[in-house]
Amino acid sequence: MVKHIILWQLKEEYTQEEKTQIAAEIKEGLESLKGKIPGLLDIHVQTDRLASSNADVMLDSSFESEEALKGYATHPEHIKVADTKVRPHTKNRVCMDYEI
């Protein structure tokens, strides 16, 4: 199994209210991919964070294999969510993938 973890920072130009709404839309969009992409076992987006955090949104997802993760990256449903709900609003992305 492969874990795919991403942390995003939202653009600074947004108010806290806008960031809360954007984070909710990112969560809804990404979590809606469950059951639509082969090899995607689980997907969860965390938007509630402590004040000590320096990221706004976290993706925690699990895949059957590294090949399934590669398929997710290029899947049209994932690209649609990334291009409409994530990329336009984020300034920084950090990713870690690992096998368990």
PDB file of N, CA and C in Angstrom:
ATOM      1  N   MET A   1       0.849  -1.176   0.000  1.00  0.00           N
ATOM      2  CA  MET A   1       0.000   0.000   0.000  1.00  0.00           C
ATOM      3  C   MET A   1       0.898   1.244   0.000  1.00  0.00           C
ATOM      4  N   VAL A   2       0.416   2.294  -0.632  1.00  0.00           N
ATOM      5  CA  VAL A   2       1.146   3.557  -0.747  1.00  0.00           C
ATOM      6  C   VAL A   2       0.312   4.665  -0.108  1.00  0.00           C
ATOM      7  N   LYS A   3       0.972   5.463   0.720  1.00  0.00           N
ATOM      8  CA  LYS A   3       0.352   6.660   1.307  1.00  0.00           C
ATOM      9  C   LYS A   3       0.793   7.869   0.484  1.00  0.00           C
ATOM     10  N   HIS A   4      -0.141   8.791   0.300  1.00  0.00           N
ATOM     11  CA  HIS A   4       0.088  10.031  -0.455  1.00  0.00           C
ATOM     12  C   HIS A   4      -0.421  11.164   0.441  1.00  0.00           C
ATOM     13  N   ILE A   5       0.519  11.936   0.985  1.00  0.00           N
ATOM     14  CA  ILE A   5       0.194  13.007   1.925  1.00  0.00           C
ATOM     15  C   ILE A   5       0.595  14.337   1.283  1.00  0.00           C
ATOM     16  N   ILE A   6      -0.320  15.295   1.315  1.00  0.00           N
ATOM     17  CA  ILE A   6      -0.016  16.628   0.787  1.00  0.00           C
ATOM     18  C   ILE A   6      -0.443  17.666   1.809  1.00  0.00           C
ATOM     19  N   LEU A   7       0.378  18.692   1.956  1.00  0.00           N
ATOM     20  CA  LEU A   7       0.043  19.864   2.749  1.00  0.00           C
ATOM     21  C   LEU A   7       0.030  21.069   1.830  1.00  0.00           C
ATOM     22  N   TRP A   8      -1.017  21.883   1.939  1.00  0.00           N
ATOM     23  CA  TRP A   8      -1.107  23.106   1.145  1.00  0.00           C
ATOM     24  C   TRP A   8      -1.224  24.318   2.052  1.00  0.00           C
ATOM     25  N   GLN A   9      -0.678  25.415   1.575  1.00  0.00           N
ATOM     26  CA  GLN A   9      -0.944  26.724   2.143  1.00  0.00           C
ATOM     27  C   GLN A   9      -1.796  27.467   1.127  1.00  0.00           C
ATOM     28  N   LEU A  10      -2.859  28.084   1.610  1.00  0.00           N
ATOM     29  CA  LEU A  10      -3.708  28.879   0.735  1.00  0.00           C
ATOM     30  C   LEU A  10      -3.069  30.250   0.518  1.00  0.00           C
ATOM     31  N   LYS A  11      -3.431  30.893  -0.562  1.00  0.00           N
ATOM     32  CA  LYS A  11      -2.872  32.201  -0.885  1.00  0.00           C
ATOM     33  C   LYS A  11      -3.195  33.201   0.222  1.00  0.00           C
ATOM     34  N   GLU A  12      -2.242  34.059   0.501  1.00  0.00           N
ATOM     35  CA  GLU A  12      -2.368  35.029   1.585  1.00  0.00           C
ATOM     36  C   GLU A  12      -3.406  36.105   1.310  1.00  0.00           C
ATOM     37  N   GLU A  13      -3.759  36.299   0.055  1.00  0.00           N
ATOM     38  CA  GLU A  13      -4.702  37.360  -0.307  1.00  0.00           C
ATOM     39  C   GLU A  13      -6.115  37.105   0.192  1.00  0.00           C
ATOM     40  N   TYR A  14      -6.409  35.873   0.616  1.00  0.00           N
ATOM     41  CA  TYR A  14      -7.750  35.534   1.070  1.00  0.00           C
ATOM     42  C   TYR A  14      -7.955  35.897   2.534  1.00  0.00           C
ATOM     43  N   THR A  15      -9.174  36.311   2.859  1.00  0.00           N
ATOM     44  CA  THR A  15      -9.534  36.526   4.255  1.00  0.00           C
ATOM     45  C   THR A  15      -9.680  35.162   4.928  1.00  0.00           C
ATOM     46  N   GLN A  16      -9.759  35.154   6.251  1.00  0.00           N
ATOM     47  CA  GLN A  16      -9.935  33.884   6.955  1.00  0.00           C
ATOM     48  C   GLN A  16     -11.261  33.234   6.569  1.00  0.00           C
ATOM     49  N   GLU A  17     -12.288  34.036   6.378  1.00  0.00           N
ATOM     50  CA  GLU A  17     -13.588  33.503   5.958  1.00  0.00           C
ATOM     51  C   GLU A  17     -13.488  32.849   4.576  1.00  0.00           C
ATOM     52  N   GLU A  18     -12.794  33.497   3.657  1.00  0.00           N
ATOM     53  CA  GLU A  18     -12.599  32.933   2.315  1.00  0.00           C
ATOM     54  C   GLU A  18     -11.780  31.648   2.393  1.00  0.00           C
ATOM     55  N   LYS A  19     -10.743  31.639   3.221  1.00  0.00           N
ATOM     56  CA  LYS A  19      -9.919  30.434   3.374  1.00  0.00           C
ATOM     57  C   LYS A  19     -10.737  29.268   3.904  1.00  0.00           C
ATOM     58  N   THR A  20     -11.617  29.546   4.840  1.00  0.00           N
ATOM     59  CA  THR A  20     -12.471  28.491   5.390  1.00  0.00           C
ATOM     60  C   THR A  20     -13.364  27.907   4.304  1.00  0.00           C
ATOM     61  N   GLN A  21     -13.941  28.765   3.475  1.00  0.00           N
ATOM     62  CA  GLN A  21     -14.808  28.310   2.381  1.00  0.00           C
ATOM     63  C   GLN A  21     -14.015  27.530   1.334  1.00  0.00           C
ATOM     64  N   ILE A  22     -12.861  28.041   0.956  1.00  0.00           N
ATOM     65  CA  ILE A  22     -12.018  27.367  -0.040  1.00  0.00           C
ATOM     66  C   ILE A  22     -11.583  26.002   0.472  1.00  0.00           C
ATOM     67  N   ALA A  23     -11.164  25.927   1.726  1.00  0.00           N
ATOM     68  CA  ALA A  23     -10.737  24.650   2.308  1.00  0.00           C
ATOM     69  C   ALA A  23     -11.890  23.646   2.289  1.00  0.00           C
ATOM     70  N   ALA A  24     -13.096  24.110   2.586  1.00  0.00           N
ATOM     71  CA  ALA A  24     -14.268  23.220   2.550  1.00  0.00           C
ATOM     72  C   ALA A  24     -14.526  22.710   1.137  1.00  0.00           C
ATOM     73  N   GLU A  25     -14.345  23.562   0.145  1.00  0.00           N
ATOM     74  CA  GLU A  25     -14.546  23.148  -1.250  1.00  0.00           C
ATOM     75  C   GLU A  25     -13.459  22.168  -1.702  1.00  0.00           C
ATOM     76  N   ILE A  26     -12.230  22.378  -1.255  1.00  0.00           N
ATOM     77  CA  ILE A  26     -11.148  21.434  -1.559  1.00  0.00           C
ATOM     78  C   ILE A  26     -11.481  20.074  -0.949  1.00  0.00           C
ATOM     79  N   LYS A  27     -11.885  20.091   0.313  1.00  0.00           N
ATOM     80  CA  LYS A  27     -12.248  18.840   1.004  1.00  0.00           C
ATOM     81  C   LYS A  27     -13.365  18.108   0.259  1.00  0.00           C
ATOM     82  N   GLU A  28     -14.424  18.821  -0.057  1.00  0.00           N
ATOM     83  CA  GLU A  28     -15.557  18.212  -0.759  1.00  0.00           C
ATOM     84  C   GLU A  28     -15.130  17.634  -2.108  1.00  0.00           C
ATOM     85  N   GLY A  29     -14.354  18.394  -2.865  1.00  0.00           N
ATOM     86  CA  GLY A  29     -13.928  17.950  -4.186  1.00  0.00           C
ATOM     87  C   GLY A  29     -13.044  16.719  -4.145  1.00  0.00           C
ATOM     88  N   LEU A  30     -12.031  16.746  -3.289  1.00  0.00           N
ATOM     89  CA  LEU A  30     -11.104  15.617  -3.233  1.00  0.00           C
ATOM     90  C   LEU A  30     -11.752  14.371  -2.635  1.00  0.00           C
ATOM     91  N   GLU A  31     -12.525  14.540  -1.574  1.00  0.00           N
ATOM     92  CA  GLU A  31     -13.152  13.368  -0.961  1.00  0.00           C
ATOM     93  C   GLU A  31     -14.210  12.750  -1.865  1.00  0.00           C
ATOM     94  N   SER A  32     -14.736  13.533  -2.807  1.00  0.00           N
ATOM     95  CA  SER A  32     -15.727  12.990  -3.753  1.00  0.00           C
ATOM     96  C   SER A  32     -15.089  12.028  -4.753  1.00  0.00           C
ATOM     97  N   LEU A  33     -13.760  11.962  -4.793  1.00  0.00           N
ATOM     98  CA  LEU A  33     -13.068  11.071  -5.729  1.00  0.00           C
ATOM     99  C   LEU A  33     -13.094   9.609  -5.283  1.00  0.00           C
ATOM    100  N   LYS A  34     -13.407   9.372  -4.009  1.00  0.00           N
ATOM    101  CA  LYS A  34     -13.443   7.989  -3.510  1.00  0.00           C
ATOM    102  C   LYS A  34     -14.468   7.189  -4.307  1.00  0.00           C
ATOM    103  N   GLY A  35     -14.053   6.045  -4.811  1.00  0.00           N
ATOM    104  CA  GLY A  35     -14.918   5.184  -5.602  1.00  0.00           C
ATOM    105  C   GLY A  35     -14.910   5.497  -7.092  1.00  0.00           C
ATOM    106  N   LYS A  36     -14.243   6.568  -7.479  1.00  0.00           N
ATOM    107  CA  LYS A  36     -14.198   6.963  -8.890  1.00  0.00           C
ATOM    108  C   LYS A  36     -12.864   6.658  -9.560  1.00  0.00           C
ATOM    109  N   ILE A  37     -11.831   6.400  -8.758  1.00  0.00           N
ATOM    110  CA  ILE A  37     -10.485   6.225  -9.320  1.00  0.00           C
ATOM    111  C   ILE A  37      -9.958   4.855  -8.928  1.00  0.00           C
ATOM    112  N   PRO A  38      -9.613   4.032  -9.911  1.00  0.00           N
ATOM    113  CA  PRO A  38      -9.104   2.694  -9.613  1.00  0.00           C
ATOM    114  C   PRO A  38      -7.869   2.743  -8.709  1.00  0.00           C
ATOM    115  N   GLY A  39      -7.865   1.897  -7.696  1.00  0.00           N
ATOM    116  CA  GLY A  39      -6.709   1.783  -6.812  1.00  0.00           C
ATOM    117  C   GLY A  39      -6.684   2.773  -5.671  1.00  0.00           C
ATOM    118  N   LEU A  40      -7.608   3.738  -5.645  1.00  0.00           N
ATOM    119  CA  LEU A  40      -7.708   4.682  -4.535  1.00  0.00           C
ATOM    120  C   LEU A  40      -8.493   3.999  -3.414  1.00  0.00           C
ATOM    121  N   LEU A  41      -7.812   3.695  -2.325  1.00  0.00           N
ATOM    122  CA  LEU A  41      -8.435   2.959  -1.229  1.00  0.00           C
ATOM    123  C   LEU A  41      -9.151   3.873  -0.243  1.00  0.00           C
ATOM    124  N   ASP A  42      -8.534   5.005   0.072  1.00  0.00           N
ATOM    125  CA  ASP A  42      -9.110   5.914   1.055  1.00  0.00           C
ATOM    126  C   ASP A  42      -8.587   7.318   0.787  1.00  0.00           C
ATOM    127  N   ILE A  43      -9.412   8.319   1.090  1.00  0.00           N
ATOM    128  CA  ILE A  43      -9.004   9.708   0.889  1.00  0.00           C
ATOM    129  C   ILE A  43      -9.697  10.554   1.945  1.00  0.00           C
ATOM    130  N   HIS A  44      -8.907  11.353   2.632  1.00  0.00           N
ATOM    131  CA  HIS A  44      -9.434  12.223   3.680  1.00  0.00           C
ATOM    132  C   HIS A  44      -8.713  13.561   3.602  1.00  0.00           C
ATOM    133  N   VAL A  45      -9.472  14.637   3.718  1.00  0.00           N
ATOM    134  CA  VAL A  45      -8.897  15.983   3.728  1.00  0.00           C
ATOM    135  C   VAL A  45      -9.170  16.608   5.086  1.00  0.00           C
ATOM    136  N   GLN A  46      -8.110  17.059   5.733  1.00  0.00           N
ATOM    137  CA  GLN A  46      -8.207  17.684   7.049  1.00  0.00           C
ATOM    138  C   GLN A  46      -8.131  19.199   6.894  1.00  0.00           C
ATOM    139  N   THR A  47      -9.136  19.900   7.409  1.00  0.00           N
ATOM    140  CA  THR A  47      -9.154  21.362   7.331  1.00  0.00           C
ATOM    141  C   THR A  47      -9.179  22.014   8.712  1.00  0.00           C
ATOM    142  N   ASP A  48      -9.492  21.249   9.734  1.00  0.00           N
ATOM    143  CA  ASP A  48      -9.469  21.768  11.103  1.00  0.00           C
ATOM    144  C   ASP A  48      -8.048  21.634  11.627  1.00  0.00           C
ATOM    145  N   ARG A  49      -7.478  22.748  12.040  1.00  0.00           N
ATOM    146  CA  ARG A  49      -6.081  22.710  12.446  1.00  0.00           C
ATOM    147  C   ARG A  49      -5.870  23.542  13.700  1.00  0.00           C
ATOM    148  N   LEU A  50      -4.812  23.234  14.385  1.00  0.00           N
ATOM    149  CA  LEU A  50      -4.421  24.010  15.557  1.00  0.00           C
ATOM    150  C   LEU A  50      -3.715  25.285  15.108  1.00  0.00           C
ATOM    151  N   ALA A  51      -3.681  26.280  15.974  1.00  0.00           N
ATOM    152  CA  ALA A  51      -3.050  27.561  15.652  1.00  0.00           C
ATOM    153  C   ALA A  51      -1.551  27.402  15.375  1.00  0.00           C
ATOM    154  N   SER A  52      -0.941  26.355  15.878  1.00  0.00           N
ATOM    155  CA  SER A  52       0.491  26.131  15.671  1.00  0.00           C
ATOM    156  C   SER A  52       0.825  25.618  14.273  1.00  0.00           C
ATOM    157  N   SER A  53      -0.194  25.297  13.474  1.00  0.00           N
ATOM    158  CA  SER A  53       0.021  24.764  12.121  1.00  0.00           C
ATOM    159  C   SER A  53       0.496  25.852  11.172  1.00  0.00           C
ATOM    160  N   ASN A  54       1.299  25.449  10.187  1.00  0.00           N
ATOM    161  CA  ASN A  54       1.681  26.390   9.132  1.00  0.00           C
ATOM    162  C   ASN A  54       1.172  25.928   7.768  1.00  0.00           C
ATOM    163  N   ALA A  55       0.249  24.989   7.767  1.00  0.00           N
ATOM    164  CA  ALA A  55      -0.455  24.565   6.552  1.00  0.00           C
ATOM    165  C   ALA A  55      -1.945  24.751   6.794  1.00  0.00           C
ATOM    166  N   ASP A  56      -2.685  24.957   5.713  1.00  0.00           N
ATOM    167  CA  ASP A  56      -4.128  25.192   5.819  1.00  0.00           C
ATOM    168  C   ASP A  56      -4.964  23.950   5.546  1.00  0.00           C
ATOM    169  N   VAL A  57      -4.463  23.069   4.678  1.00  0.00           N
ATOM    170  CA  VAL A  57      -5.224  21.896   4.246  1.00  0.00           C
ATOM    171  C   VAL A  57      -4.255  20.718   4.125  1.00  0.00           C
ATOM    172  N   MET A  58      -4.721  19.528   4.564  1.00  0.00           N
ATOM    173  CA  MET A  58      -3.919  18.315   4.425  1.00  0.00           C
ATOM    174  C   MET A  58      -4.734  17.238   3.729  1.00  0.00           C
ATOM    175  N   LEU A  59      -4.119  16.597   2.755  1.00  0.00           N
ATOM    176  CA  LEU A  59      -4.688  15.430   2.094  1.00  0.00           C
ATOM    177  C   LEU A  59      -3.967  14.201   2.616  1.00  0.00           C
ATOM    178  N   ASP A  60      -4.728  13.210   3.049  1.00  0.00           N
ATOM    179  CA  ASP A  60      -4.187  11.925   3.497  1.00  0.00           C
ATOM    180  C   ASP A  60      -4.913  10.859   2.684  1.00  0.00           C
ATOM    181  N   SER A  61      -4.196  10.216   1.771  1.00  0.00           N
ATOM    182  CA  SER A  61      -4.830   9.231   0.899  1.00  0.00           C
ATOM    183  C   SER A  61      -4.000   7.952   0.833  1.00  0.00           C
ATOM    184  N   SER A  62      -4.680   6.865   0.511  1.00  0.00           N
ATOM    185  CA  SER A  62      -4.047   5.547   0.422  1.00  0.00           C
ATOM    186  C   SER A  62      -4.387   4.909  -0.913  1.00  0.00           C
ATOM    187  N   PHE A  63      -3.377   4.248  -1.489  1.00  0.00           N
ATOM    188  CA  PHE A  63      -3.521   3.605  -2.798  1.00  0.00           C
ATOM    189  C   PHE A  63      -3.031   2.170  -2.723  1.00  0.00           C
ATOM    190  N   GLU A  64      -3.556   1.344  -3.608  1.00  0.00           N
ATOM    191  CA  GLU A  64      -3.150  -0.057  -3.663  1.00  0.00           C
ATOM    192  C   GLU A  64      -1.668  -0.209  -3.967  1.00  0.00           C
ATOM    193  N   SER A  65      -1.148   0.700  -4.807  1.00  0.00           N
ATOM    194  CA  SER A  65       0.235   0.561  -5.277  1.00  0.00           C
ATOM    195  C   SER A  65       0.737   1.904  -5.804  1.00  0.00           C
ATOM    196  N   GLU A  66       2.014   1.934  -6.105  1.00  0.00           N
ATOM    197  CA  GLU A  66       2.596   3.130  -6.712  1.00  0.00           C
ATOM    198  C   GLU A  66       1.989   3.377  -8.094  1.00  0.00           C
ATOM    199  N   GLU A  67       1.691   2.306  -8.809  1.00  0.00           N
ATOM    200  CA  GLU A  67       1.054   2.453 -10.122  1.00  0.00           C
ATOM    201  C   GLU A  67      -0.334   3.081  -9.998  1.00  0.00           C
ATOM    202  N   ALA A  68      -1.070   2.698  -8.956  1.00  0.00           N
ATOM    203  CA  ALA A  68      -2.394   3.291  -8.727  1.00  0.00           C
ATOM    204  C   ALA A  68      -2.266   4.782  -8.422  1.00  0.00           C
ATOM    205  N   LEU A  69      -1.238   5.168  -7.675  1.00  0.00           N
ATOM    206  CA  LEU A  69      -0.989   6.581  -7.389  1.00  0.00           C
ATOM    207  C   LEU A  69      -0.689   7.343  -8.676  1.00  0.00           C
ATOM    208  N   LYS A  70       0.110   6.751  -9.539  1.00  0.00           N
ATOM    209  CA  LYS A  70       0.414   7.387 -10.827  1.00  0.00           C
ATOM    210  C   LYS A  70      -0.857   7.547 -11.669  1.00  0.00           C
ATOM    211  N   GLY A  71      -1.741   6.555 -11.621  1.00  0.00           N
ATOM    212  CA  GLY A  71      -2.997   6.642 -12.349  1.00  0.00           C
ATOM    213  C   GLY A  71      -3.898   7.744 -11.801  1.00  0.00           C
ATOM    214  N   TYR A  72      -3.898   7.902 -10.497  1.00  0.00           N
ATOM    215  CA  TYR A  72      -4.668   8.969  -9.842  1.00  0.00           C
ATOM    216  C   TYR A  72      -4.194  10.340 -10.322  1.00  0.00           C
ATOM    217  N   ALA A  73      -2.889  10.507 -10.408  1.00  0.00           N
ATOM    218  CA  ALA A  73      -2.305  11.800 -10.794  1.00  0.00           C
ATOM    219  C   ALA A  73      -2.780  12.255 -12.167  1.00  0.00           C
ATOM    220  N   THR A  74      -3.061  11.308 -13.060  1.00  0.00           N
ATOM    221  CA  THR A  74      -3.448  11.667 -14.429  1.00  0.00           C
ATOM    222  C   THR A  74      -4.922  11.397 -14.723  1.00  0.00           C
ATOM    223  N   HIS A  75      -5.665  10.945 -13.723  1.00  0.00           N
ATOM    224  CA  HIS A  75      -7.080  10.629 -13.928  1.00  0.00           C
ATOM    225  C   HIS A  75      -7.869  11.924 -14.159  1.00  0.00           C
ATOM    226  N   PRO A  76      -8.748  11.957 -15.165  1.00  0.00           N
ATOM    227  CA  PRO A  76      -9.498  13.181 -15.482  1.00  0.00           C
ATOM    228  C   PRO A  76     -10.318  13.745 -14.316  1.00  0.00           C
ATOM    229  N   GLU A  77     -10.885  12.887 -13.482  1.00  0.00           N
ATOM    230  CA  GLU A  77     -11.664  13.373 -12.335  1.00  0.00           C
ATOM    231  C   GLU A  77     -10.766  14.095 -11.329  1.00  0.00           C
ATOM    232  N   HIS A  78      -9.579  13.544 -11.100  1.00  0.00           N
ATOM    233  CA  HIS A  78      -8.622  14.191 -10.188  1.00  0.00           C
ATOM    234  C   HIS A  78      -8.135  15.512 -10.771  1.00  0.00           C
ATOM    235  N   ILE A  79      -7.807  15.508 -12.032  1.00  0.00           N
ATOM    236  CA  ILE A  79      -7.315  16.732 -12.682  1.00  0.00           C
ATOM    237  C   ILE A  79      -8.371  17.833 -12.618  1.00  0.00           C
ATOM    238  N   LYS A  80      -9.623  17.464 -12.815  1.00  0.00           N
ATOM    239  CA  LYS A  80     -10.711  18.447 -12.762  1.00  0.00           C
ATOM    240  C   LYS A  80     -10.784  19.109 -11.382  1.00  0.00           C
ATOM    241  N   VAL A  81     -10.716  18.316 -10.331  1.00  0.00           N
ATOM    242  CA  VAL A  81     -10.756  18.872  -8.969  1.00  0.00           C
ATOM    243  C   VAL A  81      -9.507  19.711  -8.708  1.00  0.00           C
ATOM    244  N   ALA A  82      -8.354  19.194  -9.086  1.00  0.00           N
ATOM    245  CA  ALA A  82      -7.103  19.927  -8.851  1.00  0.00           C
ATOM    246  C   ALA A  82      -7.092  21.267  -9.573  1.00  0.00           C
ATOM    247  N   ASP A  83      -7.552  21.271 -10.806  1.00  0.00           N
ATOM    248  CA  ASP A  83      -7.506  22.496 -11.616  1.00  0.00           C
ATOM    249  C   ASP A  83      -8.579  23.519 -11.246  1.00  0.00           C
ATOM    250  N   THR A  84      -9.674  23.087 -10.626  1.00  0.00           N
ATOM    251  CA  THR A  84     -10.746  24.031 -10.308  1.00  0.00           C
ATOM    252  C   THR A  84     -10.831  24.390  -8.827  1.00  0.00           C
ATOM    253  N   LYS A  85     -10.477  23.460  -7.953  1.00  0.00           N
ATOM    254  CA  LYS A  85     -10.665  23.707  -6.518  1.00  0.00           C
ATOM    255  C   LYS A  85      -9.366  23.868  -5.738  1.00  0.00           C
ATOM    256  N   VAL A  86      -8.264  23.319  -6.242  1.00  0.00           N
ATOM    257  CA  VAL A  86      -7.023  23.341  -5.468  1.00  0.00           C
ATOM    258  C   VAL A  86      -6.018  24.348  -6.029  1.00  0.00           C
ATOM    259  N   ARG A  87      -5.508  24.108  -7.203  1.00  0.00           N
ATOM    260  CA  ARG A  87      -4.406  24.912  -7.750  1.00  0.00           C
ATOM    261  C   ARG A  87      -4.675  26.415  -7.819  1.00  0.00           C
ATOM    262  N   PRO A  88      -5.884  26.856  -8.173  1.00  0.00           N
ATOM    263  CA  PRO A  88      -6.106  28.303  -8.252  1.00  0.00           C
ATOM    264  C   PRO A  88      -5.979  29.027  -6.904  1.00  0.00           C
ATOM    265  N   HIS A  89      -6.086  28.281  -5.795  1.00  0.00           N
ATOM    266  CA  HIS A  89      -6.166  28.910  -4.477  1.00  0.00           C
ATOM    267  C   HIS A  89      -4.962  28.663  -3.578  1.00  0.00           C
ATOM    268  N   THR A  90      -4.023  27.852  -4.033  1.00  0.00           N
ATOM    269  CA  THR A  90      -2.899  27.497  -3.169  1.00  0.00           C
ATOM    270  C   THR A  90      -1.612  28.167  -3.627  1.00  0.00           C
ATOM    271  N   LYS A  91      -0.781  28.499  -2.639  1.00  0.00           N
ATOM    272  CA  LYS A  91       0.502  29.132  -2.946  1.00  0.00           C
ATOM    273  C   LYS A  91       1.672  28.174  -2.752  1.00  0.00           C
ATOM    274  N   ASN A  92       1.448  27.125  -1.976  1.00  0.00           N
ATOM    275  CA  ASN A  92       2.538  26.211  -1.661  1.00  0.00           C
ATOM    276  C   ASN A  92       1.982  24.808  -1.472  1.00  0.00           C
ATOM    277  N   ARG A  93       2.747  23.820  -1.957  1.00  0.00           N
ATOM    278  CA  ARG A  93       2.351  22.413  -1.852  1.00  0.00           C
ATOM    279  C   ARG A  93       3.576  21.607  -1.458  1.00  0.00           C
ATOM    280  N   VAL A  94       3.413  20.764  -0.448  1.00  0.00           N
ATOM    281  CA  VAL A  94       4.457  19.837  -0.033  1.00  0.00           C
ATOM    282  C   VAL A  94       3.851  18.448  -0.076  1.00  0.00           C
ATOM    283  N   CYS A  95       4.582  17.497  -0.635  1.00  0.00           N
ATOM    284  CA  CYS A  95       4.065  16.148  -0.820  1.00  0.00           C
ATOM    285  C   CYS A  95       5.052  15.119  -0.282  1.00  0.00           C
ATOM    286  N   MET A  96       4.503  14.068   0.319  1.00  0.00           N
ATOM    287  CA  MET A  96       5.316  12.920   0.691  1.00  0.00           C
ATOM    288  C   MET A  96       4.532  11.663   0.352  1.00  0.00           C
ATOM    289  N   ASP A  97       5.153  10.795  -0.432  1.00  0.00           N
ATOM    290  CA  ASP A  97       4.592   9.498  -0.777  1.00  0.00           C
ATOM    291  C   ASP A  97       5.498   8.438  -0.176  1.00  0.00           C
ATOM    292  N   TYR A  98       4.888   7.371   0.372  1.00  0.00           N
ATOM    293  CA  TYR A  98       5.698   6.306   0.946  1.00  0.00           C
ATOM    294  C   TYR A  98       4.919   4.999   0.960  1.00  0.00           C
ATOM    295  N   GLU A  99       5.658   3.906   1.002  1.00  0.00           N
ATOM    296  CA  GLU A  99       5.054   2.572   1.048  1.00  0.00           C
ATOM    297  C   GLU A  99       4.925   2.122   2.493  1.00  0.00           C
ATOM    298  N   ILE A 100       3.807   1.441   2.765  1.00  0.00           N
ATOM    299  CA  ILE A 100       3.659   0.821   4.089  1.00  0.00           C
ATOM    300  C   ILE A 100       3.334  -0.636   3.928  1.00  0.00           C
TER     301      ILE A 100
END
